[in-house]
Amino acid sequence: MNAVHDSMARQGLVRPQDGRMIAGVCAGLARRFGLDPWIARLLFVLILFVIPGSQILIYPVLWILMPAEKHEWAATPAPPTTF
């Protein structure tokens, strides 16, 4: 499973920490393809009308396969305390 996560992360398919509605799948797809997240969500719903039921399978699979975005926190020293 780590190989799949690493492959998707290299391709830019990650679920961002900010801008999520449910799991961040549409936001991650939008970021990868340079779209606004709302456009990706709208396209996702429109495809539901064209191919009924497809998103019921696709969304959970992408939720599992797309890794969550990792924040790299910079180590900053704590400010000095004064009494």
C-alpha atoms as a PDB file:
ATOM      1  CA  MET A   1       0.000   0.000   0.000  1.00  0.00           C
ATOM      2  CA  ASN A   2       2.937   2.347   0.667  1.00  0.00           C
ATOM      3  CA  ALA A   3       4.065   1.935  -2.929  1.00  0.00           C
ATOM      4  CA  VAL A   4       0.667   3.136  -4.156  1.00  0.00           C
ATOM      5  CA  HIS A   5       0.723   6.100  -1.751  1.00  0.00           C
ATOM      6  CA  ASP A   6       4.270   7.009  -2.808  1.00  0.00           C
ATOM      7  CA  SER A   7       3.372   6.769  -6.487  1.00  0.00           C
ATOM      8  CA  MET A   8       0.335   9.011  -6.087  1.00  0.00           C
ATOM      9  CA  ALA A   9       2.284  11.501  -3.983  1.00  0.00           C
ATOM     10  CA  ARG A  10       4.978  11.719  -6.686  1.00  0.00           C
ATOM     11  CA  GLN A  11       2.259  12.491  -9.232  1.00  0.00           C
ATOM     12  CA  GLY A  12       0.836  15.228  -7.020  1.00  0.00           C
ATOM     13  CA  LEU A  13      -2.299  13.327  -6.027  1.00  0.00           C
ATOM     14  CA  VAL A  14      -2.609  14.027  -2.312  1.00  0.00           C
ATOM     15  CA  ARG A  15      -5.562  14.963  -0.129  1.00  0.00           C
ATOM     16  CA  PRO A  16      -4.832  18.464   1.190  1.00  0.00           C
ATOM     17  CA  GLN A  17      -5.284  19.333   4.855  1.00  0.00           C
ATOM     18  CA  ASP A  18      -7.112  22.569   4.027  1.00  0.00           C
ATOM     19  CA  GLY A  19     -10.083  23.043   1.717  1.00  0.00           C
ATOM     20  CA  ARG A  20     -11.615  19.648   2.437  1.00  0.00           C
ATOM     21  CA  MET A  21     -15.337  19.031   2.376  1.00  0.00           C
ATOM     22  CA  ILE A  22     -15.410  15.334   3.289  1.00  0.00           C
ATOM     23  CA  ALA A  23     -12.058  13.652   2.762  1.00  0.00           C
ATOM     24  CA  GLY A  24     -10.287  16.021   0.374  1.00  0.00           C
ATOM     25  CA  VAL A  25     -10.480  13.790  -2.706  1.00  0.00           C
ATOM     26  CA  CYS A  26     -12.016  16.426  -4.988  1.00  0.00           C
ATOM     27  CA  ALA A  27      -9.746  19.134  -3.562  1.00  0.00           C
ATOM     28  CA  GLY A  28      -6.721  16.926  -4.242  1.00  0.00           C
ATOM     29  CA  LEU A  29      -7.825  16.172  -7.789  1.00  0.00           C
ATOM     30  CA  ALA A  30      -8.512  19.856  -8.385  1.00  0.00           C
ATOM     31  CA  ARG A  31      -5.072  20.849  -7.109  1.00  0.00           C
ATOM     32  CA  ARG A  32      -3.389  18.203  -9.269  1.00  0.00           C
ATOM     33  CA  PHE A  33      -5.149  19.334 -12.453  1.00  0.00           C
ATOM     34  CA  GLY A  34      -5.052  23.072 -11.719  1.00  0.00           C
ATOM     35  CA  LEU A  35      -8.786  23.538 -11.123  1.00  0.00           C
ATOM     36  CA  ASP A  36     -10.800  25.271  -8.472  1.00  0.00           C
ATOM     37  CA  PRO A  37     -12.040  22.708  -5.919  1.00  0.00           C
ATOM     38  CA  TRP A  38     -15.664  23.735  -6.513  1.00  0.00           C
ATOM     39  CA  ILE A  39     -15.316  23.008 -10.230  1.00  0.00           C
ATOM     40  CA  ALA A  40     -13.933  19.550  -9.427  1.00  0.00           C
ATOM     41  CA  ARG A  41     -16.831  18.900  -7.038  1.00  0.00           C
ATOM     42  CA  LEU A  42     -19.335  20.065  -9.655  1.00  0.00           C
ATOM     43  CA  LEU A  43     -17.762  17.803 -12.282  1.00  0.00           C
ATOM     44  CA  PHE A  44     -17.862  14.915  -9.832  1.00  0.00           C
ATOM     45  CA  VAL A  45     -21.613  15.441  -9.321  1.00  0.00           C
ATOM     46  CA  LEU A  46     -22.275  15.906 -13.047  1.00  0.00           C
ATOM     47  CA  ILE A  47     -20.505  12.636 -13.807  1.00  0.00           C
ATOM     48  CA  LEU A  48     -22.838  11.030 -11.287  1.00  0.00           C
ATOM     49  CA  PHE A  49     -25.754  11.900 -13.589  1.00  0.00           C
ATOM     50  CA  VAL A  50     -23.968  10.503 -16.643  1.00  0.00           C
ATOM     51  CA  ILE A  51     -22.758   7.287 -14.984  1.00  0.00           C
ATOM     52  CA  PRO A  52     -25.088   6.678 -12.014  1.00  0.00           C
ATOM     53  CA  GLY A  53     -23.478   5.057  -9.001  1.00  0.00           C
ATOM     54  CA  SER A  54     -19.924   5.383 -10.236  1.00  0.00           C
ATOM     55  CA  GLN A  55     -18.907   7.835  -7.508  1.00  0.00           C
ATOM     56  CA  ILE A  56     -20.162   5.507  -4.813  1.00  0.00           C
ATOM     57  CA  LEU A  57     -17.279   3.241  -5.812  1.00  0.00           C
ATOM     58  CA  ILE A  58     -14.710   5.766  -7.021  1.00  0.00           C
ATOM     59  CA  TYR A  59     -14.729   8.211  -4.080  1.00  0.00           C
ATOM     60  CA  PRO A  60     -14.021   5.652  -1.315  1.00  0.00           C
ATOM     61  CA  VAL A  61     -11.316   3.991  -3.430  1.00  0.00           C
ATOM     62  CA  LEU A  62      -9.592   7.325  -4.028  1.00  0.00           C
ATOM     63  CA  TRP A  63     -10.004   8.187  -0.337  1.00  0.00           C
ATOM     64  CA  ILE A  64      -8.060   5.043   0.542  1.00  0.00           C
ATOM     65  CA  LEU A  65      -5.456   5.281  -2.231  1.00  0.00           C
ATOM     66  CA  MET A  66      -4.668   9.019  -2.106  1.00  0.00           C
ATOM     67  CA  PRO A  67      -2.301   9.816   0.749  1.00  0.00           C
ATOM     68  CA  ALA A  68      -3.030  12.735   3.040  1.00  0.00           C
ATOM     69  CA  GLU A  69      -0.830  15.759   2.561  1.00  0.00           C
ATOM     70  CA  LYS A  70       2.011  15.885   5.043  1.00  0.00           C
ATOM     71  CA  HIS A  71       2.856  19.157   6.702  1.00  0.00           C
ATOM     72  CA  GLU A  72       6.488  19.575   7.493  1.00  0.00           C
ATOM     73  CA  TRP A  73       6.633  21.634  10.626  1.00  0.00           C
ATOM     74  CA  ALA A  74       9.688  23.788  11.026  1.00  0.00           C
ATOM     75  CA  ALA A  75      11.338  23.438  14.374  1.00  0.00           C
ATOM     76  CA  THR A  76      11.266  26.879  15.917  1.00  0.00           C
ATOM     77  CA  PRO A  77      12.681  27.598  19.315  1.00  0.00           C
ATOM     78  CA  ALA A  78      10.183  28.507  21.989  1.00  0.00           C
ATOM     79  CA  PRO A  79      10.139  32.191  22.895  1.00  0.00           C
ATOM     80  CA  PRO A  80      11.898  33.034  26.141  1.00  0.00           C
ATOM     81  CA  THR A  81       9.647  33.284  29.148  1.00  0.00           C
ATOM     82  CA  THR A  82       9.848  36.185  31.500  1.00  0.00           C
ATOM     83  CA  PHE A  83       8.500  36.278  34.996  1.00  0.00           C
END
